[in-house]
Amino acid sequence: MFNNAKRSRQLITLAVASAAAASTLTGCSSERNRLAEFRENPTPDLVTMSSRPDDVRNVKALIRDESKRMLYRDWMYMWYMDRPTRLTPEPSAW
């Protein structure tokens, strides 16, 4: 009876030791995958040399906004609506 229990403990100890040895020898296989992913694309969040996708979208939105305002201003210049009329009898600052 004691022989059987002793033998079971020895097998469990041997299995645990084998598993520990195998895990230390092989290491983490997922670490190698992460390293390979990093080597393929070291800067995954950057679209340009220094900008993330959100930064690029913000700059494009700012450019569109400025362009619209400049277009409106040019439209007003074209139709001479950027200043008051000179046909008024009252003096004007323009």
Foldseek 3Di string as FASTA:
>chain_A
DVVVVVVVVVVVVVVVVVVVVVCVVVDDPVVVVVVVVCVVPVCPQAPDPDDGPVRVVVVVVVVVVVVVVVVVVVVCVVVVVPADDPPDPDDDPD
